[in-house]
Amino acid sequence: MKRIWLMTIALTATLFVTVATVGASPSDESLTVGADPSLKAAFQELMPLFKQEYGAAVHVVYGPSKILRRAIEKGEAFDVLITSAKELELLHKKKLTRKGRSIAQTSLVLVMSEASSLLTVSFNEVWSNRSARIALADPRLSTLGEMTAQLIPTSNLKTRTGISYAQDGEDISKLLQVGKADVGIMYRADAINNGEVYIIEEAPNGMEIKDQLAAAIVSTAKKPSLKIAEKFVDFMTSLRIQKLLLKYGFDPVPLPFKHAAHFETKHPA
């Protein structure tokens, strides 16, 4: 676990990976957006589209949901945040963001890489198979980790060996590729956009948990950027963008969307 906390320290020291998706000249309007890593693939298409339509460059800072929330709580400057609705709700209660607006949701899947020597397993089998090495997101860093923990019996987390923790789906994929894990659990959106892993099983009925992503303007938004920030949130929550996100593995959020952020969990009847 020491490696995870070293990563946490680095991230909270603002050493995020920042991606300027579209270059900006000094005269251009620009936004700084904090975003969940599961949006990386979709943003490769969406950010140039926004630049084309509104003339504003968007600089994206990707990070796990809890790390982004803590950064904003410490005063890190963002104009817009797109992350787990659960984390946005916490920030909104502290008056650090405006009210969140839903964008999409994604569920959990069990994945494997070609490098794995393990025979295909299911969600139900992976915990009883003590030889299976599992890559999971750390629940202290992200909503993905929290959601994953809901699928795992507490006794397994305390006694199970062979668990490696990572900060997001991309790091889980890397653990699988280098042979440090046989299977992993990640967002469906991450798995679909990752060419190095394949989905073994979707979360079965009774275990299905979906995380809702939402967007909100942050209290640190620059005054000159507020109008373009509002347009960006309108853009991301528009029906056409939500439809486009479907091809990147996201699901639409059922309406009406309530701001009280939550995981959508389906339990057996």
C-alpha atoms as a PDB file:
ATOM      1  CA  MET A   1       0.000   0.000   0.000  1.00  0.00           C
ATOM      2  CA  LYS A   2       3.020   2.295   0.392  1.00  0.00           C
ATOM      3  CA  ARG A   3       3.165   2.829  -3.375  1.00  0.00           C
ATOM      4  CA  ILE A   4      -0.446   4.043  -3.378  1.00  0.00           C
ATOM      5  CA  TRP A   5       0.166   6.668  -0.714  1.00  0.00           C
ATOM      6  CA  LEU A   6       3.208   7.937  -2.557  1.00  0.00           C
ATOM      7  CA  MET A   7       0.975   8.436  -5.604  1.00  0.00           C
ATOM      8  CA  THR A   8      -1.569  10.210  -3.421  1.00  0.00           C
ATOM      9  CA  ILE A   9       1.040  12.627  -2.121  1.00  0.00           C
ATOM     10  CA  ALA A  10       2.188  13.377  -5.649  1.00  0.00           C
ATOM     11  CA  LEU A  11      -1.347  14.029  -6.837  1.00  0.00           C
ATOM     12  CA  THR A  12      -2.323  16.236  -3.925  1.00  0.00           C
ATOM     13  CA  ALA A  13       0.822  18.247  -4.602  1.00  0.00           C
ATOM     14  CA  THR A  14      -0.918  19.172  -7.895  1.00  0.00           C
ATOM     15  CA  LEU A  15       1.261  16.915 -10.018  1.00  0.00           C
ATOM     16  CA  PHE A  16      -1.773  15.899 -12.070  1.00  0.00           C
ATOM     17  CA  VAL A  17      -1.398  14.866 -15.688  1.00  0.00           C
ATOM     18  CA  THR A  18      -2.744  17.889 -17.548  1.00  0.00           C
ATOM     19  CA  VAL A  19      -3.756  17.482 -21.160  1.00  0.00           C
ATOM     20  CA  ALA A  20      -4.246  20.542 -23.354  1.00  0.00           C
ATOM     21  CA  THR A  21      -6.619  18.936 -25.785  1.00  0.00           C
ATOM     22  CA  VAL A  22      -6.662  21.894 -28.135  1.00  0.00           C
ATOM     23  CA  GLY A  23      -3.901  24.477 -28.287  1.00  0.00           C
ATOM     24  CA  ALA A  24      -4.719  28.045 -27.359  1.00  0.00           C
ATOM     25  CA  SER A  25      -3.150  31.305 -28.401  1.00  0.00           C
ATOM     26  CA  PRO A  26      -2.812  34.101 -25.798  1.00  0.00           C
ATOM     27  CA  SER A  27      -6.000  35.739 -27.113  1.00  0.00           C
ATOM     28  CA  ASP A  28      -8.099  32.594 -26.876  1.00  0.00           C
ATOM     29  CA  GLU A  29     -10.603  31.975 -24.108  1.00  0.00           C
ATOM     30  CA  SER A  30      -9.683  28.865 -22.168  1.00  0.00           C
ATOM     31  CA  LEU A  31     -11.016  26.651 -19.409  1.00  0.00           C
ATOM     32  CA  THR A  32      -9.337  24.406 -16.854  1.00  0.00           C
ATOM     33  CA  VAL A  33     -11.460  21.312 -16.328  1.00  0.00           C
ATOM     34  CA  GLY A  34     -10.934  18.570 -13.764  1.00  0.00           C
ATOM     35  CA  ALA A  35     -12.218  15.266 -15.121  1.00  0.00           C
ATOM     36  CA  ASP A  36     -12.548  11.613 -14.300  1.00  0.00           C
ATOM     37  CA  PRO A  37      -9.981   9.463 -16.175  1.00  0.00           C
ATOM     38  CA  SER A  38     -12.815   7.392 -17.683  1.00  0.00           C
ATOM     39  CA  LEU A  39     -13.567  10.380 -19.943  1.00  0.00           C
ATOM     40  CA  LYS A  40     -10.138  10.462 -21.610  1.00  0.00           C
ATOM     41  CA  ALA A  41     -11.120   8.622 -24.780  1.00  0.00           C
ATOM     42  CA  ALA A  42     -14.359  10.552 -25.255  1.00  0.00           C
ATOM     43  CA  PHE A  43     -12.620  13.889 -24.677  1.00  0.00           C
ATOM     44  CA  GLN A  44     -10.292  13.231 -27.599  1.00  0.00           C
ATOM     45  CA  GLU A  45     -13.363  13.748 -29.767  1.00  0.00           C
ATOM     46  CA  LEU A  46     -15.368  16.177 -27.644  1.00  0.00           C
ATOM     47  CA  MET A  47     -12.789  18.837 -26.802  1.00  0.00           C
ATOM     48  CA  PRO A  48     -11.893  19.677 -30.425  1.00  0.00           C
ATOM     49  CA  LEU A  49     -15.642  19.823 -31.135  1.00  0.00           C
ATOM     50  CA  PHE A  50     -16.155  22.310 -28.304  1.00  0.00           C
ATOM     51  CA  LYS A  51     -13.199  24.378 -29.505  1.00  0.00           C
ATOM     52  CA  GLN A  52     -14.652  24.446 -33.016  1.00  0.00           C
ATOM     53  CA  GLU A  53     -18.110  25.526 -31.854  1.00  0.00           C
ATOM     54  CA  TYR A  54     -17.227  27.968 -29.073  1.00  0.00           C
ATOM     55  CA  GLY A  55     -13.652  29.054 -29.826  1.00  0.00           C
ATOM     56  CA  ALA A  56     -12.376  28.154 -26.357  1.00  0.00           C
ATOM     57  CA  ALA A  57      -9.541  25.793 -25.566  1.00  0.00           C
ATOM     58  CA  VAL A  58     -10.047  23.302 -22.751  1.00  0.00           C
ATOM     59  CA  HIS A  59      -7.138  22.149 -20.599  1.00  0.00           C
ATOM     60  CA  VAL A  60      -8.106  18.905 -18.909  1.00  0.00           C
ATOM     61  CA  VAL A  61      -6.666  17.712 -15.604  1.00  0.00           C
ATOM     62  CA  TYR A  62      -7.478  14.024 -15.091  1.00  0.00           C
ATOM     63  CA  GLY A  63      -7.534  12.552 -11.631  1.00  0.00           C
ATOM     64  CA  PRO A  64      -9.357  10.078  -9.354  1.00  0.00           C
ATOM     65  CA  SER A  65     -12.552  11.539  -7.926  1.00  0.00           C
ATOM     66  CA  LYS A  66     -11.447  11.846  -4.310  1.00  0.00           C
ATOM     67  CA  ILE A  67      -8.093  13.373  -5.248  1.00  0.00           C
ATOM     68  CA  LEU A  68      -9.805  16.012  -7.390  1.00  0.00           C
ATOM     69  CA  ARG A  69     -12.251  16.767  -4.579  1.00  0.00           C
ATOM     70  CA  ARG A  70      -9.435  17.212  -2.050  1.00  0.00           C
ATOM     71  CA  ALA A  71      -7.524  19.442  -4.452  1.00  0.00           C
ATOM     72  CA  ILE A  72     -10.539  21.748  -4.804  1.00  0.00           C
ATOM     73  CA  GLU A  73     -11.050  21.751  -1.042  1.00  0.00           C
ATOM     74  CA  LYS A  74      -7.453  22.987  -0.744  1.00  0.00           C
ATOM     75  CA  GLY A  75      -8.076  25.790  -3.233  1.00  0.00           C
ATOM     76  CA  GLU A  76      -6.720  24.322  -6.472  1.00  0.00           C
ATOM     77  CA  ALA A  77      -7.979  26.449  -9.369  1.00  0.00           C
ATOM     78  CA  PHE A  78     -10.503  24.797 -11.681  1.00  0.00           C
ATOM     79  CA  ASP A  79     -13.279  26.290 -13.770  1.00  0.00           C
ATOM     80  CA  VAL A  80     -15.364  23.132 -14.170  1.00  0.00           C
ATOM     81  CA  LEU A  81     -15.296  19.722 -12.518  1.00  0.00           C
ATOM     82  CA  ILE A  82     -16.662  16.543 -14.111  1.00  0.00           C
ATOM     83  CA  THR A  83     -16.473  13.657 -11.697  1.00  0.00           C
ATOM     84  CA  SER A  84     -18.544  11.266  -9.608  1.00  0.00           C
ATOM     85  CA  ALA A  85     -21.814  12.881  -8.565  1.00  0.00           C
ATOM     86  CA  LYS A  86     -21.148  11.642  -5.044  1.00  0.00           C
ATOM     87  CA  GLU A  87     -17.982  13.734  -4.762  1.00  0.00           C
ATOM     88  CA  LEU A  88     -19.652  16.741  -6.394  1.00  0.00           C
ATOM     89  CA  GLU A  89     -22.382  16.589  -3.784  1.00  0.00           C
ATOM     90  CA  LEU A  90     -19.797  16.867  -1.005  1.00  0.00           C
ATOM     91  CA  LEU A  91     -18.247  19.916  -2.667  1.00  0.00           C
ATOM     92  CA  HIS A  92     -21.636  21.508  -3.294  1.00  0.00           C
ATOM     93  CA  LYS A  93     -22.545  21.210   0.393  1.00  0.00           C
ATOM     94  CA  LYS A  94     -19.377  23.167   1.180  1.00  0.00           C
ATOM     95  CA  LYS A  95     -20.355  25.793  -1.408  1.00  0.00           C
ATOM     96  CA  LEU A  96     -17.274  24.953  -3.463  1.00  0.00           C
ATOM     97  CA  THR A  97     -19.246  24.177  -6.638  1.00  0.00           C
ATOM     98  CA  ARG A  98     -22.547  25.076  -8.197  1.00  0.00           C
ATOM     99  CA  LYS A  99     -25.253  22.455  -8.354  1.00  0.00           C
ATOM    100  CA  GLY A 100     -24.138  19.446 -10.378  1.00  0.00           C
ATOM    101  CA  ARG A 101     -25.765  18.382 -13.639  1.00  0.00           C
ATOM    102  CA  SER A 102     -25.730  14.764 -14.769  1.00  0.00           C
ATOM    103  CA  ILE A 103     -23.840  13.621 -17.843  1.00  0.00           C
ATOM    104  CA  ALA A 104     -23.739   9.835 -17.931  1.00  0.00           C
ATOM    105  CA  GLN A 105     -23.216   6.737 -15.840  1.00  0.00           C
ATOM    106  CA  THR A 106     -21.079   3.629 -16.082  1.00  0.00           C
ATOM    107  CA  SER A 107     -21.067   0.219 -14.421  1.00  0.00           C
ATOM    108  CA  LEU A 108     -18.371  -2.192 -13.226  1.00  0.00           C
ATOM    109  CA  VAL A 109     -16.952  -5.058 -15.265  1.00  0.00           C
ATOM    110  CA  LEU A 110     -14.489  -7.878 -14.661  1.00  0.00           C
ATOM    111  CA  VAL A 111     -11.555  -7.742 -17.101  1.00  0.00           C
ATOM    112  CA  MET A 112      -8.529  -9.775 -18.115  1.00  0.00           C
ATOM    113  CA  SER A 113      -5.560  -9.216 -20.430  1.00  0.00           C
ATOM    114  CA  GLU A 114      -4.006 -11.528 -23.000  1.00  0.00           C
ATOM    115  CA  ALA A 115      -0.992 -11.816 -20.689  1.00  0.00           C
ATOM    116  CA  SER A 116      -3.022 -13.600 -18.009  1.00  0.00           C
ATOM    117  CA  SER A 117      -2.521 -17.342 -17.636  1.00  0.00           C
ATOM    118  CA  LEU A 118      -5.656 -17.713 -15.544  1.00  0.00           C
ATOM    119  CA  LEU A 119      -8.675 -19.460 -17.004  1.00  0.00           C
ATOM    120  CA  THR A 120     -11.732 -17.265 -17.401  1.00  0.00           C
ATOM    121  CA  VAL A 121     -13.500 -16.641 -14.101  1.00  0.00           C
ATOM    122  CA  SER A 122     -16.696 -14.864 -13.090  1.00  0.00           C
ATOM    123  CA  PHE A 123     -17.461 -12.236 -10.450  1.00  0.00           C
ATOM    124  CA  ASN A 124     -18.767 -14.973  -8.158  1.00  0.00           C
ATOM    125  CA  GLU A 125     -15.741 -17.222  -8.648  1.00  0.00           C
ATOM    126  CA  VAL A 126     -12.933 -14.697  -8.424  1.00  0.00           C
ATOM    127  CA  TRP A 127     -13.081 -14.373  -4.620  1.00  0.00           C
ATOM    128  CA  SER A 128     -13.077 -18.099  -3.958  1.00  0.00           C
ATOM    129  CA  ASN A 129     -10.217 -18.714  -6.401  1.00  0.00           C
ATOM    130  CA  ARG A 130      -7.286 -18.012  -4.067  1.00  0.00           C
ATOM    131  CA  SER A 131      -4.756 -18.350  -6.883  1.00  0.00           C
ATOM    132  CA  ALA A 132      -6.268 -15.428  -8.817  1.00  0.00           C
ATOM    133  CA  ARG A 133      -4.354 -12.166  -8.431  1.00  0.00           C
ATOM    134  CA  ILE A 134      -6.744  -9.237  -8.552  1.00  0.00           C
ATOM    135  CA  ALA A 135      -6.173  -5.569  -9.435  1.00  0.00           C
ATOM    136  CA  LEU A 136      -8.590  -3.170  -7.750  1.00  0.00           C
ATOM    137  CA  ALA A 137      -8.992   0.587  -7.437  1.00  0.00           C
ATOM    138  CA  ASP A 138      -8.124   1.941  -4.006  1.00  0.00           C
ATOM    139  CA  PRO A 139     -11.330   3.068  -2.230  1.00  0.00           C
ATOM    140  CA  ARG A 140      -9.368   5.874  -0.507  1.00  0.00           C
ATOM    141  CA  LEU A 141      -8.618   7.477  -3.869  1.00  0.00           C
ATOM    142  CA  SER A 142     -11.713   7.126  -6.013  1.00  0.00           C
ATOM    143  CA  THR A 143     -15.393   6.357  -6.278  1.00  0.00           C
ATOM    144  CA  LEU A 144     -14.390   3.434  -8.506  1.00  0.00           C
ATOM    145  CA  GLY A 145     -12.604   1.947  -5.492  1.00  0.00           C
ATOM    146  CA  GLU A 146     -15.610   2.552  -3.241  1.00  0.00           C
ATOM    147  CA  MET A 147     -17.947   0.898  -5.720  1.00  0.00           C
ATOM    148  CA  THR A 148     -15.632  -2.092  -6.096  1.00  0.00           C
ATOM    149  CA  ALA A 149     -15.492  -2.542  -2.326  1.00  0.00           C
ATOM    150  CA  GLN A 150     -19.291  -2.906  -2.295  1.00  0.00           C
ATOM    151  CA  LEU A 151     -18.933  -6.059  -4.392  1.00  0.00           C
ATOM    152  CA  ILE A 152     -16.395  -7.692  -2.093  1.00  0.00           C
ATOM    153  CA  PRO A 153     -17.271  -9.457   1.159  1.00  0.00           C
ATOM    154  CA  THR A 154     -15.473  -7.678   4.015  1.00  0.00           C
ATOM    155  CA  SER A 155     -13.896 -10.936   5.149  1.00  0.00           C
ATOM    156  CA  ASN A 156     -12.265 -11.309   1.731  1.00  0.00           C
ATOM    157  CA  LEU A 157     -10.669  -7.876   1.877  1.00  0.00           C
ATOM    158  CA  LYS A 158      -9.200  -8.605   5.303  1.00  0.00           C
ATOM    159  CA  THR A 159      -7.879 -12.088   4.600  1.00  0.00           C
ATOM    160  CA  ARG A 160      -7.455 -12.270   0.811  1.00  0.00           C
ATOM    161  CA  THR A 161      -3.892 -12.267  -0.523  1.00  0.00           C
ATOM    162  CA  GLY A 162      -2.985 -11.389  -4.105  1.00  0.00           C
ATOM    163  CA  ILE A 163      -4.779  -8.005  -4.236  1.00  0.00           C
ATOM    164  CA  SER A 164      -2.956  -5.105  -5.893  1.00  0.00           C
ATOM    165  CA  TYR A 165      -4.369  -1.591  -5.558  1.00  0.00           C
ATOM    166  CA  ALA A 166      -4.283   1.106  -8.223  1.00  0.00           C
ATOM    167  CA  GLN A 167      -5.627   4.617  -8.580  1.00  0.00           C
ATOM    168  CA  ASP A 168      -7.800   4.204 -11.703  1.00  0.00           C
ATOM    169  CA  GLY A 169      -8.736   1.932 -14.607  1.00  0.00           C
ATOM    170  CA  GLU A 170      -5.621   2.823 -16.592  1.00  0.00           C
ATOM    171  CA  ASP A 171      -3.347   1.701 -13.754  1.00  0.00           C
ATOM    172  CA  ILE A 172      -5.396  -1.476 -13.307  1.00  0.00           C
ATOM    173  CA  SER A 173      -4.811  -2.199 -17.005  1.00  0.00           C
ATOM    174  CA  LYS A 174      -1.055  -1.693 -16.554  1.00  0.00           C
ATOM    175  CA  LEU A 175      -0.961  -4.167 -13.673  1.00  0.00           C
ATOM    176  CA  LEU A 176      -2.664  -6.725 -15.922  1.00  0.00           C
ATOM    177  CA  GLN A 177      -0.353  -6.057 -18.863  1.00  0.00           C
ATOM    178  CA  VAL A 178       2.874  -6.523 -16.877  1.00  0.00           C
ATOM    179  CA  GLY A 179       1.597  -9.711 -15.276  1.00  0.00           C
ATOM    180  CA  LYS A 180       1.186  -8.418 -11.718  1.00  0.00           C
ATOM    181  CA  ALA A 181      -2.512  -9.315 -11.749  1.00  0.00           C
ATOM    182  CA  ASP A 182      -4.675 -11.886 -13.532  1.00  0.00           C
ATOM    183  CA  VAL A 183      -8.005 -10.070 -13.426  1.00  0.00           C
ATOM    184  CA  GLY A 184      -9.212  -6.603 -12.556  1.00  0.00           C
ATOM    185  CA  ILE A 185     -12.396  -4.662 -11.909  1.00  0.00           C
ATOM    186  CA  MET A 186     -12.881  -1.331 -13.656  1.00  0.00           C
ATOM    187  CA  TYR A 187     -15.504   0.911 -15.171  1.00  0.00           C
ATOM    188  CA  ARG A 188     -17.127  -0.462 -18.307  1.00  0.00           C
ATOM    189  CA  ALA A 189     -16.234   2.795 -20.088  1.00  0.00           C
ATOM    190  CA  ASP A 190     -12.542   2.291 -19.257  1.00  0.00           C
ATOM    191  CA  ALA A 191     -12.567  -1.306 -20.467  1.00  0.00           C
ATOM    192  CA  ILE A 192     -14.288  -0.540 -23.778  1.00  0.00           C
ATOM    193  CA  ASN A 193     -11.763   2.177 -24.601  1.00  0.00           C
ATOM    194  CA  ASN A 194      -8.728   0.142 -23.558  1.00  0.00           C
ATOM    195  CA  GLY A 195      -7.255  -2.041 -26.267  1.00  0.00           C
ATOM    196  CA  GLU A 196      -5.168  -4.051 -23.790  1.00  0.00           C
ATOM    197  CA  VAL A 197      -7.943  -5.712 -21.777  1.00  0.00           C
ATOM    198  CA  TYR A 198     -11.161  -7.486 -22.560  1.00  0.00           C
ATOM    199  CA  ILE A 199     -14.355  -7.842 -20.571  1.00  0.00           C
ATOM    200  CA  ILE A 200     -14.943 -11.248 -19.022  1.00  0.00           C
ATOM    201  CA  GLU A 201     -18.249 -10.452 -17.381  1.00  0.00           C
ATOM    202  CA  GLU A 202     -20.565  -7.549 -16.720  1.00  0.00           C
ATOM    203  CA  ALA A 203     -21.671  -7.232 -13.104  1.00  0.00           C
ATOM    204  CA  PRO A 204     -24.483  -9.814 -12.751  1.00  0.00           C
ATOM    205  CA  ASN A 205     -28.008  -9.005 -11.614  1.00  0.00           C
ATOM    206  CA  GLY A 206     -28.033  -8.224  -7.937  1.00  0.00           C
ATOM    207  CA  MET A 207     -24.453  -6.902  -8.067  1.00  0.00           C
ATOM    208  CA  GLU A 208     -24.927  -4.122 -10.609  1.00  0.00           C
ATOM    209  CA  ILE A 209     -23.672  -0.773  -9.340  1.00  0.00           C
ATOM    210  CA  LYS A 210     -23.496   2.315 -11.512  1.00  0.00           C
ATOM    211  CA  ASP A 211     -21.564   5.491 -10.893  1.00  0.00           C
ATOM    212  CA  GLN A 212     -23.090   8.727 -12.151  1.00  0.00           C
ATOM    213  CA  LEU A 213     -20.828  11.409 -13.562  1.00  0.00           C
ATOM    214  CA  ALA A 214     -21.906  15.028 -13.231  1.00  0.00           C
ATOM    215  CA  ALA A 215     -20.517  18.452 -14.146  1.00  0.00           C
ATOM    216  CA  ALA A 216     -20.447  21.651 -12.109  1.00  0.00           C
ATOM    217  CA  ILE A 217     -18.793  25.061 -12.192  1.00  0.00           C
ATOM    218  CA  VAL A 218     -16.227  25.396  -9.398  1.00  0.00           C
ATOM    219  CA  SER A 219     -16.091  28.329  -6.979  1.00  0.00           C
ATOM    220  CA  THR A 220     -12.527  29.052  -8.148  1.00  0.00           C
ATOM    221  CA  ALA A 221     -13.695  29.632 -11.741  1.00  0.00           C
ATOM    222  CA  LYS A 222     -12.165  32.777 -13.213  1.00  0.00           C
ATOM    223  CA  LYS A 223     -14.768  35.542 -13.617  1.00  0.00           C
ATOM    224  CA  PRO A 224     -13.877  36.152 -17.297  1.00  0.00           C
ATOM    225  CA  SER A 225     -14.389  32.397 -17.878  1.00  0.00           C
ATOM    226  CA  LEU A 226     -17.797  32.012 -16.231  1.00  0.00           C
ATOM    227  CA  LYS A 227     -19.855  32.445 -19.409  1.00  0.00           C
ATOM    228  CA  ILE A 228     -17.778  29.958 -21.389  1.00  0.00           C
ATOM    229  CA  ALA A 229     -17.796  27.608 -18.371  1.00  0.00           C
ATOM    230  CA  GLU A 230     -21.604  27.695 -18.405  1.00  0.00           C
ATOM    231  CA  LYS A 231     -21.571  26.920 -22.121  1.00  0.00           C
ATOM    232  CA  PHE A 232     -19.206  24.024 -21.509  1.00  0.00           C
ATOM    233  CA  VAL A 233     -21.518  22.507 -18.887  1.00  0.00           C
ATOM    234  CA  ASP A 234     -24.483  23.003 -21.246  1.00  0.00           C
ATOM    235  CA  PHE A 235     -22.454  21.345 -24.016  1.00  0.00           C
ATOM    236  CA  MET A 236     -21.513  18.323 -21.877  1.00  0.00           C
ATOM    237  CA  THR A 237     -25.061  17.823 -20.565  1.00  0.00           C
ATOM    238  CA  SER A 238     -26.758  18.223 -23.943  1.00  0.00           C
ATOM    239  CA  LEU A 239     -28.667  15.291 -25.399  1.00  0.00           C
ATOM    240  CA  ARG A 240     -26.397  15.025 -28.448  1.00  0.00           C
ATOM    241  CA  ILE A 241     -23.271  14.699 -26.281  1.00  0.00           C
ATOM    242  CA  GLN A 242     -24.935  12.178 -24.008  1.00  0.00           C
ATOM    243  CA  LYS A 243     -25.806  10.136 -27.109  1.00  0.00           C
ATOM    244  CA  LEU A 244     -22.225  10.406 -28.345  1.00  0.00           C
ATOM    245  CA  LEU A 245     -20.945   9.122 -24.994  1.00  0.00           C
ATOM    246  CA  LEU A 246     -22.823   5.861 -25.580  1.00  0.00           C
ATOM    247  CA  LYS A 247     -20.174   4.711 -28.049  1.00  0.00           C
ATOM    248  CA  TYR A 248     -17.527   5.201 -25.359  1.00  0.00           C
ATOM    249  CA  GLY A 249     -19.180   2.749 -23.002  1.00  0.00           C
ATOM    250  CA  PHE A 250     -21.303   5.139 -20.950  1.00  0.00           C
ATOM    251  CA  ASP A 251     -25.002   4.720 -20.232  1.00  0.00           C
ATOM    252  CA  PRO A 252     -27.607   7.508 -20.078  1.00  0.00           C
ATOM    253  CA  VAL A 253     -28.687   8.638 -16.616  1.00  0.00           C
ATOM    254  CA  PRO A 254     -32.336   7.848 -15.838  1.00  0.00           C
ATOM    255  CA  LEU A 255     -34.496  10.952 -15.522  1.00  0.00           C
ATOM    256  CA  PRO A 256     -35.267  12.814 -13.406  1.00  0.00           C
ATOM    257  CA  PHE A 257     -31.734  13.231 -12.050  1.00  0.00           C
ATOM    258  CA  LYS A 258     -31.626  14.209  -8.386  1.00  0.00           C
ATOM    259  CA  HIS A 259     -28.695  16.266  -7.184  1.00  0.00           C
ATOM    260  CA  ALA A 260     -28.313  14.103  -4.092  1.00  0.00           C
ATOM    261  CA  ALA A 261     -25.477  12.089  -5.598  1.00  0.00           C
ATOM    262  CA  HIS A 262     -25.532   8.363  -5.227  1.00  0.00           C
ATOM    263  CA  PHE A 263     -24.572   5.035  -6.662  1.00  0.00           C
ATOM    264  CA  GLU A 264     -27.397   3.346  -8.523  1.00  0.00           C
ATOM    265  CA  THR A 265     -27.509  -0.187  -7.164  1.00  0.00           C
ATOM    266  CA  LYS A 266     -29.743  -2.971  -8.359  1.00  0.00           C
ATOM    267  CA  HIS A 267     -30.611  -5.555  -5.721  1.00  0.00           C
ATOM    268  CA  PRO A 268     -32.231  -8.895  -6.282  1.00  0.00           C
ATOM    269  CA  ALA A 269     -36.026  -8.832  -6.068  1.00  0.00           C
END
